[in-house]
Amino acid sequence: MNVGTLSPTLAPVVSPIPLRELMPWLVFAGLLMLLAIYFVGAEQGATSLIPGMYVHEFVHDGRHLLGFPCH
């Protein structure tokens, strides 16, 4: 009975991503989240940037899901 030989397996080398390469993406994601919170929470109110009710109707269910009053 030939079992064969077992060869050692090498573990993959995992190197952390340097913070200086990750920071621009974190800032970009943070700005996108702030913009989304603005449109869900404040657009069509006193600080409305877009006329009409289009944005309000688009994010209406999201307002209720996140607890923002809208009517």
N, C-alpha and C. Protein backbone atom coordinates (compact mmCIF):
# COMPACT_ATOMS: atom_id res chain seq x y z
N MET A 1 0.84 -1.18 0.00
CA MET A 1 0.00 0.00 0.00
C MET A 1 0.89 1.25 0.00
N ASN A 2 0.75 2.06 -1.01
CA ASN A 2 1.56 3.26 -1.14
C ASN A 2 0.73 4.45 -0.67
N VAL A 3 1.14 5.05 0.44
CA VAL A 3 0.42 6.19 0.99
C VAL A 3 0.79 7.46 0.25
N GLY A 4 1.97 7.54 -0.23
CA GLY A 4 2.43 8.74 -0.93
C GLY A 4 3.15 9.66 0.05
N THR A 5 3.62 10.71 -0.48
CA THR A 5 4.34 11.65 0.38
C THR A 5 3.49 12.88 0.58
N LEU A 6 3.59 13.41 1.75
CA LEU A 6 2.87 14.65 2.05
C LEU A 6 3.83 15.81 1.92
N SER A 7 3.45 16.78 1.14
CA SER A 7 4.30 17.95 1.00
C SER A 7 3.75 19.06 1.89
N PRO A 8 4.61 19.80 2.51
CA PRO A 8 4.11 20.88 3.37
C PRO A 8 3.45 21.97 2.53
N THR A 9 2.37 22.50 3.04
CA THR A 9 1.69 23.58 2.34
C THR A 9 2.14 24.90 2.96
N LEU A 10 2.26 25.88 2.14
CA LEU A 10 2.66 27.19 2.61
C LEU A 10 1.43 28.03 2.90
N ALA A 11 1.42 28.69 4.01
CA ALA A 11 0.32 29.59 4.35
C ALA A 11 0.44 30.85 3.51
N PRO A 12 -0.67 31.40 3.04
CA PRO A 12 -0.59 32.63 2.25
C PRO A 12 -0.09 33.78 3.12
N VAL A 13 0.67 34.63 2.50
CA VAL A 13 1.21 35.78 3.19
C VAL A 13 0.15 36.88 3.15
N VAL A 14 -0.29 37.30 4.32
CA VAL A 14 -1.31 38.34 4.41
C VAL A 14 -0.64 39.59 4.95
N SER A 15 -0.63 40.61 4.15
CA SER A 15 -0.05 41.87 4.61
C SER A 15 -1.17 42.88 4.81
N PRO A 16 -1.15 43.59 5.90
CA PRO A 16 -2.20 44.59 6.13
C PRO A 16 -2.10 45.74 5.13
N ILE A 17 -3.23 46.32 4.84
CA ILE A 17 -3.26 47.47 3.95
C ILE A 17 -2.80 48.69 4.74
N PRO A 18 -1.82 49.42 4.24
CA PRO A 18 -1.36 50.62 4.96
C PRO A 18 -2.48 51.65 5.07
N LEU A 19 -2.53 52.32 6.20
CA LEU A 19 -3.57 53.31 6.45
C LEU A 19 -3.55 54.43 5.42
N ARG A 20 -2.36 54.82 4.94
CA ARG A 20 -2.30 55.91 3.96
C ARG A 20 -2.95 55.52 2.63
N GLU A 21 -3.05 54.24 2.32
CA GLU A 21 -3.73 53.80 1.11
C GLU A 21 -5.22 53.62 1.35
N LEU A 22 -5.60 53.35 2.59
CA LEU A 22 -7.00 53.11 2.92
C LEU A 22 -7.75 54.39 3.22
N MET A 23 -7.07 55.40 3.72
CA MET A 23 -7.72 56.63 4.17
C MET A 23 -8.53 57.35 3.09
N PRO A 24 -8.06 57.51 1.86
CA PRO A 24 -8.90 58.19 0.86
C PRO A 24 -10.22 57.46 0.62
N TRP A 25 -10.21 56.14 0.66
CA TRP A 25 -11.45 55.39 0.46
C TRP A 25 -12.39 55.54 1.65
N LEU A 26 -11.84 55.61 2.85
CA LEU A 26 -12.67 55.82 4.04
C LEU A 26 -13.31 57.21 4.03
N VAL A 27 -12.55 58.22 3.61
CA VAL A 27 -13.09 59.57 3.52
C VAL A 27 -14.18 59.62 2.45
N PHE A 28 -13.95 59.00 1.31
CA PHE A 28 -14.95 58.97 0.24
C PHE A 28 -16.23 58.27 0.70
N ALA A 29 -16.10 57.14 1.38
CA ALA A 29 -17.27 56.41 1.88
C ALA A 29 -18.01 57.24 2.93
N GLY A 30 -17.27 57.94 3.78
CA GLY A 30 -17.90 58.80 4.78
C GLY A 30 -18.69 59.93 4.15
N LEU A 31 -18.13 60.55 3.12
CA LEU A 31 -18.85 61.63 2.42
C LEU A 31 -20.10 61.11 1.73
N LEU A 32 -20.01 59.92 1.13
CA LEU A 32 -21.20 59.33 0.51
C LEU A 32 -22.28 59.04 1.55
N MET A 33 -21.88 58.56 2.71
CA MET A 33 -22.87 58.28 3.76
C MET A 33 -23.50 59.57 4.28
N LEU A 34 -22.71 60.63 4.43
CA LEU A 34 -23.28 61.91 4.85
C LEU A 34 -24.26 62.46 3.81
N LEU A 35 -23.93 62.31 2.55
CA LEU A 35 -24.82 62.75 1.48
C LEU A 35 -26.12 61.94 1.50
N ALA A 36 -26.01 60.64 1.71
CA ALA A 36 -27.21 59.80 1.77
C ALA A 36 -28.07 60.17 2.96
N ILE A 37 -27.46 60.42 4.13
CA ILE A 37 -28.23 60.82 5.30
C ILE A 37 -28.90 62.17 5.07
N TYR A 38 -28.23 63.08 4.38
CA TYR A 38 -28.86 64.36 4.06
C TYR A 38 -30.11 64.15 3.22
N PHE A 39 -29.99 63.36 2.15
CA PHE A 39 -31.13 63.19 1.27
C PHE A 39 -32.27 62.43 1.95
N VAL A 40 -31.95 61.49 2.81
CA VAL A 40 -33.00 60.76 3.50
C VAL A 40 -33.61 61.61 4.61
N GLY A 41 -32.79 62.34 5.33
CA GLY A 41 -33.28 63.02 6.51
C GLY A 41 -33.68 64.47 6.35
N ALA A 42 -33.10 65.21 5.44
CA ALA A 42 -33.34 66.64 5.42
C ALA A 42 -33.88 67.17 4.10
N GLU A 43 -33.68 66.49 3.02
CA GLU A 43 -34.15 67.00 1.72
C GLU A 43 -35.67 67.11 1.71
N GLN A 44 -36.18 68.11 1.08
CA GLN A 44 -37.59 68.47 1.00
C GLN A 44 -38.08 69.10 2.29
N GLY A 45 -37.16 69.60 3.07
CA GLY A 45 -37.52 70.33 4.28
C GLY A 45 -37.12 71.78 4.12
N ALA A 46 -36.65 72.37 5.19
CA ALA A 46 -36.24 73.77 5.16
C ALA A 46 -34.96 73.96 4.34
N THR A 47 -34.16 72.92 4.19
CA THR A 47 -32.90 73.05 3.46
C THR A 47 -32.95 72.37 2.10
N SER A 48 -34.09 72.37 1.47
CA SER A 48 -34.26 71.67 0.21
C SER A 48 -33.39 72.26 -0.90
N LEU A 49 -32.66 71.39 -1.58
CA LEU A 49 -31.83 71.81 -2.71
C LEU A 49 -32.50 71.54 -4.05
N ILE A 50 -33.37 70.54 -4.09
CA ILE A 50 -34.02 70.13 -5.34
C ILE A 50 -35.51 70.43 -5.23
N PRO A 51 -36.05 71.21 -6.17
CA PRO A 51 -37.47 71.54 -6.08
C PRO A 51 -38.35 70.33 -6.39
N GLY A 52 -39.56 70.36 -5.87
CA GLY A 52 -40.51 69.28 -6.12
C GLY A 52 -40.44 68.22 -5.04
N MET A 53 -41.24 67.16 -5.24
CA MET A 53 -41.34 66.09 -4.25
C MET A 53 -40.66 64.80 -4.71
N TYR A 54 -39.83 64.87 -5.75
CA TYR A 54 -39.23 63.66 -6.31
C TYR A 54 -38.31 62.96 -5.31
N VAL A 55 -37.44 63.70 -4.67
CA VAL A 55 -36.51 63.10 -3.71
C VAL A 55 -37.27 62.54 -2.52
N HIS A 56 -38.27 63.29 -2.04
CA HIS A 56 -39.06 62.83 -0.90
C HIS A 56 -39.73 61.50 -1.21
N GLU A 57 -40.33 61.38 -2.35
CA GLU A 57 -41.01 60.14 -2.70
C GLU A 57 -40.03 58.99 -2.91
N PHE A 58 -38.85 59.28 -3.41
CA PHE A 58 -37.85 58.24 -3.65
C PHE A 58 -37.32 57.66 -2.35
N VAL A 59 -37.11 58.51 -1.33
CA VAL A 59 -36.54 58.04 -0.07
C VAL A 59 -37.58 57.94 1.04
N HIS A 60 -38.86 57.98 0.72
CA HIS A 60 -39.94 58.00 1.72
C HIS A 60 -39.87 56.80 2.67
N ASP A 61 -39.77 55.60 2.14
CA ASP A 61 -39.73 54.42 3.00
C ASP A 61 -38.44 54.37 3.82
N GLY A 62 -37.36 54.86 3.26
CA GLY A 62 -36.11 54.92 4.02
C GLY A 62 -36.21 55.88 5.20
N ARG A 63 -36.96 56.95 5.02
CA ARG A 63 -37.18 57.89 6.13
C ARG A 63 -37.85 57.18 7.29
N HIS A 64 -38.89 56.44 7.00
CA HIS A 64 -39.62 55.74 8.06
C HIS A 64 -38.76 54.64 8.68
N LEU A 65 -38.00 53.94 7.86
CA LEU A 65 -37.14 52.86 8.36
C LEU A 65 -36.08 53.41 9.33
N LEU A 66 -35.52 54.58 9.04
CA LEU A 66 -34.49 55.17 9.88
C LEU A 66 -35.05 56.05 11.00
N GLY A 67 -36.38 56.24 11.04
CA GLY A 67 -37.00 56.99 12.13
C GLY A 67 -37.08 58.48 11.89
N PHE A 68 -36.91 58.95 10.65
CA PHE A 68 -37.05 60.37 10.36
C PHE A 68 -38.54 60.67 10.13
N PRO A 69 -39.09 61.66 10.81
CA PRO A 69 -40.49 62.02 10.53
C PRO A 69 -40.58 62.79 9.21
N CYS A 70 -41.62 62.54 8.47
CA CYS A 70 -41.77 63.28 7.22
C CYS A 70 -43.20 63.71 6.97
N HIS A 71 -44.15 63.29 7.78
CA HIS A 71 -45.52 63.78 7.63
C HIS A 71 -46.29 63.55 8.88
